[in-house]
Amino acid sequence: MQHEPKATANALALVGGVWYVLCLAWVAISQNSYMGVMSSWFHGVDFKSLPPATPDIGSMTVGLITFVGFAWISGYVFAIAYNKFIKK
């Protein structure tokens, strides 16, 4: 089964956008627990020691747009690579 690159890219961009918005909500609700999980994901980095910051609408918008864009490109490249590998 081959992947349609644009459909795969759109699906990954949608999922990435939803995850981004959920992370924003998590930060708004409980920044301490969010920072604790981030510290566990990035070994050796103590995110809890960073000063707390409240994201502004501009940084949230730029973050959402760039994250969704990166996810779309990743999905497109993934589909092309996947299709090449299954042909071999």
N, C-alpha and C. Protein backbone atom coordinates (compact mmCIF):
# COMPACT_ATOMS: atom_id res chain seq x y z
N MET A 1 0.83 -1.18 0.00
CA MET A 1 0.00 0.00 0.00
C MET A 1 0.88 1.25 0.00
N GLN A 2 0.68 2.10 -0.96
CA GLN A 2 1.45 3.32 -1.05
C GLN A 2 0.75 4.45 -0.30
N HIS A 3 1.55 5.44 0.08
CA HIS A 3 1.02 6.64 0.72
C HIS A 3 0.90 7.74 -0.32
N GLU A 4 -0.20 8.44 -0.33
CA GLU A 4 -0.36 9.64 -1.14
C GLU A 4 0.35 10.76 -0.37
N PRO A 5 1.43 11.35 -0.94
CA PRO A 5 2.22 12.33 -0.18
C PRO A 5 1.41 13.50 0.39
N LYS A 6 0.51 14.09 -0.39
CA LYS A 6 -0.24 15.24 0.12
C LYS A 6 -1.21 14.83 1.24
N ALA A 7 -1.83 13.68 1.10
CA ALA A 7 -2.75 13.21 2.15
C ALA A 7 -1.99 12.90 3.43
N THR A 8 -0.85 12.26 3.30
CA THR A 8 -0.03 11.94 4.47
C THR A 8 0.46 13.23 5.13
N ALA A 9 0.90 14.18 4.31
CA ALA A 9 1.37 15.47 4.83
C ALA A 9 0.24 16.20 5.55
N ASN A 10 -0.94 16.22 4.96
CA ASN A 10 -2.08 16.89 5.59
C ASN A 10 -2.45 16.23 6.92
N ALA A 11 -2.44 14.90 6.94
CA ALA A 11 -2.78 14.18 8.17
C ALA A 11 -1.77 14.48 9.28
N LEU A 12 -0.49 14.46 8.95
CA LEU A 12 0.53 14.72 9.96
C LEU A 12 0.47 16.18 10.43
N ALA A 13 0.19 17.10 9.53
CA ALA A 13 0.06 18.51 9.91
C ALA A 13 -1.13 18.70 10.85
N LEU A 14 -2.23 18.03 10.58
CA LEU A 14 -3.40 18.13 11.45
C LEU A 14 -3.10 17.58 12.84
N VAL A 15 -2.51 16.39 12.88
CA VAL A 15 -2.16 15.78 14.17
C VAL A 15 -1.16 16.67 14.92
N GLY A 16 -0.17 17.19 14.22
CA GLY A 16 0.82 18.08 14.85
C GLY A 16 0.17 19.33 15.41
N GLY A 17 -0.76 19.92 14.67
CA GLY A 17 -1.46 21.11 15.14
C GLY A 17 -2.29 20.84 16.38
N VAL A 18 -2.96 19.69 16.41
CA VAL A 18 -3.76 19.33 17.58
C VAL A 18 -2.86 19.14 18.80
N TRP A 19 -1.74 18.44 18.62
CA TRP A 19 -0.80 18.24 19.73
C TRP A 19 -0.25 19.58 20.23
N TYR A 20 0.04 20.48 19.31
CA TYR A 20 0.57 21.79 19.69
C TYR A 20 -0.45 22.55 20.56
N VAL A 21 -1.70 22.56 20.13
CA VAL A 21 -2.74 23.25 20.90
C VAL A 21 -2.95 22.58 22.26
N LEU A 22 -2.90 21.25 22.31
CA LEU A 22 -3.02 20.55 23.59
C LEU A 22 -1.87 20.90 24.53
N CYS A 23 -0.67 21.02 23.99
CA CYS A 23 0.49 21.41 24.82
C CYS A 23 0.32 22.83 25.35
N LEU A 24 -0.18 23.73 24.50
CA LEU A 24 -0.44 25.10 24.96
C LEU A 24 -1.45 25.09 26.11
N ALA A 25 -2.48 24.30 25.97
CA ALA A 25 -3.49 24.21 27.03
C ALA A 25 -2.89 23.66 28.30
N TRP A 26 -2.03 22.65 28.17
CA TRP A 26 -1.38 22.05 29.33
C TRP A 26 -0.53 23.09 30.06
N VAL A 27 0.23 23.88 29.31
CA VAL A 27 1.06 24.92 29.92
C VAL A 27 0.17 25.93 30.66
N ALA A 28 -0.95 26.28 30.05
CA ALA A 28 -1.86 27.25 30.68
C ALA A 28 -2.47 26.70 31.96
N ILE A 29 -2.75 25.40 31.99
CA ILE A 29 -3.40 24.79 33.15
C ILE A 29 -2.40 24.45 34.26
N SER A 30 -1.27 23.84 33.90
CA SER A 30 -0.31 23.38 34.90
C SER A 30 1.11 23.41 34.35
N GLN A 31 1.71 24.58 34.41
CA GLN A 31 3.06 24.73 33.87
C GLN A 31 4.07 23.86 34.62
N ASN A 32 3.89 23.69 35.94
CA ASN A 32 4.85 22.89 36.71
C ASN A 32 4.88 21.44 36.25
N SER A 33 3.71 20.82 36.04
CA SER A 33 3.72 19.43 35.60
C SER A 33 4.27 19.31 34.18
N TYR A 34 3.96 20.29 33.34
CA TYR A 34 4.50 20.30 31.98
C TYR A 34 6.03 20.34 32.00
N MET A 35 6.58 21.24 32.81
CA MET A 35 8.03 21.36 32.89
C MET A 35 8.66 20.08 33.46
N GLY A 36 7.97 19.41 34.36
CA GLY A 36 8.47 18.16 34.90
C GLY A 36 8.56 17.08 33.83
N VAL A 37 7.53 16.98 33.01
CA VAL A 37 7.54 15.99 31.93
C VAL A 37 8.63 16.34 30.91
N MET A 38 8.76 17.61 30.57
CA MET A 38 9.80 18.01 29.61
C MET A 38 11.19 17.65 30.13
N SER A 39 11.40 17.81 31.44
CA SER A 39 12.69 17.44 32.04
C SER A 39 12.94 15.94 31.90
N SER A 40 11.88 15.14 31.99
CA SER A 40 12.06 13.69 31.87
C SER A 40 12.31 13.28 30.42
N TRP A 41 11.82 14.06 29.46
CA TRP A 41 12.02 13.72 28.05
C TRP A 41 13.40 14.14 27.55
N PHE A 42 13.94 15.23 28.07
CA PHE A 42 15.26 15.72 27.65
C PHE A 42 16.25 15.45 28.76
N HIS A 43 16.93 14.33 28.66
CA HIS A 43 17.83 13.85 29.70
C HIS A 43 18.91 14.88 30.00
N GLY A 44 19.07 15.17 31.27
CA GLY A 44 20.13 16.08 31.70
C GLY A 44 19.75 17.55 31.67
N VAL A 45 18.55 17.89 31.23
CA VAL A 45 18.12 19.28 31.21
C VAL A 45 17.02 19.45 32.25
N ASP A 46 17.23 20.38 33.18
CA ASP A 46 16.25 20.62 34.23
C ASP A 46 15.38 21.81 33.84
N PHE A 47 14.28 21.54 33.17
CA PHE A 47 13.39 22.60 32.73
C PHE A 47 12.72 23.31 33.91
N LYS A 48 12.61 22.62 35.05
CA LYS A 48 11.98 23.23 36.21
C LYS A 48 12.80 24.40 36.76
N SER A 49 14.12 24.41 36.48
CA SER A 49 14.96 25.48 36.99
C SER A 49 14.87 26.75 36.14
N LEU A 50 14.23 26.67 34.99
CA LEU A 50 14.07 27.85 34.14
C LEU A 50 13.02 28.78 34.73
N PRO A 51 13.18 30.08 34.54
CA PRO A 51 12.15 30.99 35.05
C PRO A 51 10.84 30.80 34.30
N PRO A 52 9.72 30.84 34.99
CA PRO A 52 8.43 30.65 34.31
C PRO A 52 8.14 31.82 33.36
N ALA A 53 7.54 31.49 32.25
CA ALA A 53 7.17 32.52 31.27
C ALA A 53 5.80 32.17 30.71
N THR A 54 4.99 33.17 30.52
CA THR A 54 3.68 32.98 29.92
C THR A 54 3.78 33.30 28.44
N PRO A 55 3.49 32.32 27.59
CA PRO A 55 3.58 32.59 26.15
C PRO A 55 2.59 33.67 25.72
N ASP A 56 3.03 34.52 24.80
CA ASP A 56 2.13 35.54 24.28
C ASP A 56 1.51 35.05 22.97
N ILE A 57 0.46 35.72 22.52
CA ILE A 57 -0.29 35.28 21.35
C ILE A 57 0.59 35.24 20.10
N GLY A 58 1.55 36.16 20.00
CA GLY A 58 2.44 36.17 18.84
C GLY A 58 3.33 34.95 18.78
N SER A 59 3.96 34.61 19.90
CA SER A 59 4.84 33.44 19.91
C SER A 59 4.06 32.15 19.74
N MET A 60 2.83 32.11 20.30
CA MET A 60 2.00 30.91 20.13
C MET A 60 1.60 30.73 18.66
N THR A 61 1.28 31.83 18.00
CA THR A 61 0.88 31.77 16.59
C THR A 61 2.04 31.35 15.71
N VAL A 62 3.20 31.97 15.93
CA VAL A 62 4.39 31.60 15.14
C VAL A 62 4.75 30.14 15.41
N GLY A 63 4.68 29.72 16.66
CA GLY A 63 4.98 28.32 17.00
C GLY A 63 4.04 27.35 16.32
N LEU A 64 2.76 27.66 16.33
CA LEU A 64 1.77 26.79 15.69
C LEU A 64 2.01 26.71 14.19
N ILE A 65 2.22 27.84 13.55
CA ILE A 65 2.43 27.86 12.10
C ILE A 65 3.69 27.10 11.71
N THR A 66 4.79 27.35 12.42
CA THR A 66 6.05 26.67 12.05
C THR A 66 6.00 25.18 12.38
N PHE A 67 5.34 24.81 13.49
CA PHE A 67 5.24 23.40 13.85
C PHE A 67 4.39 22.63 12.84
N VAL A 68 3.25 23.21 12.46
CA VAL A 68 2.38 22.57 11.47
C VAL A 68 3.10 22.50 10.12
N GLY A 69 3.82 23.55 9.76
CA GLY A 69 4.58 23.52 8.50
C GLY A 69 5.64 22.45 8.50
N PHE A 70 6.38 22.34 9.59
CA PHE A 70 7.41 21.30 9.70
C PHE A 70 6.77 19.91 9.66
N ALA A 71 5.64 19.75 10.32
CA ALA A 71 4.94 18.46 10.31
C ALA A 71 4.48 18.11 8.89
N TRP A 72 3.97 19.10 8.15
CA TRP A 72 3.51 18.86 6.78
C TRP A 72 4.67 18.41 5.90
N ILE A 73 5.78 19.12 5.98
CA ILE A 73 6.96 18.74 5.18
C ILE A 73 7.44 17.35 5.57
N SER A 74 7.46 17.06 6.86
CA SER A 74 7.88 15.74 7.33
C SER A 74 6.97 14.64 6.80
N GLY A 75 5.66 14.88 6.82
CA GLY A 75 4.72 13.90 6.29
C GLY A 75 4.90 13.67 4.80
N TYR A 76 5.14 14.74 4.06
CA TYR A 76 5.33 14.63 2.62
C TYR A 76 6.60 13.82 2.30
N VAL A 77 7.69 14.17 2.98
CA VAL A 77 8.96 13.45 2.76
C VAL A 77 8.83 12.00 3.21
N PHE A 78 8.14 11.76 4.33
CA PHE A 78 7.93 10.40 4.80
C PHE A 78 7.21 9.57 3.75
N ALA A 79 6.14 10.11 3.17
CA ALA A 79 5.35 9.36 2.18
C ALA A 79 6.20 9.02 0.95
N ILE A 80 6.99 9.97 0.49
CA ILE A 80 7.86 9.71 -0.67
C ILE A 80 8.88 8.63 -0.34
N ALA A 81 9.52 8.75 0.83
CA ALA A 81 10.52 7.74 1.23
C ALA A 81 9.86 6.38 1.40
N TYR A 82 8.71 6.35 2.05
CA TYR A 82 8.00 5.09 2.28
C TYR A 82 7.68 4.41 0.95
N ASN A 83 7.17 5.18 0.00
CA ASN A 83 6.82 4.63 -1.30
C ASN A 83 8.04 4.08 -2.02
N LYS A 84 9.17 4.72 -1.89
CA LYS A 84 10.40 4.23 -2.51
C LYS A 84 10.85 2.91 -1.87
N PHE A 85 10.74 2.83 -0.55
CA PHE A 85 11.17 1.62 0.14
C PHE A 85 10.29 0.41 -0.17
N ILE A 86 8.99 0.62 -0.34
CA ILE A 86 8.14 -0.55 -0.60
C ILE A 86 8.25 -1.04 -2.03
N LYS A 87 8.84 -0.23 -2.92
CA LYS A 87 9.04 -0.66 -4.30
C LYS A 87 10.21 -1.61 -4.44
N LYS A 88 11.10 -1.63 -3.46
CA LYS A 88 12.31 -2.48 -3.54
C LYS A 88 12.01 -3.91 -3.14
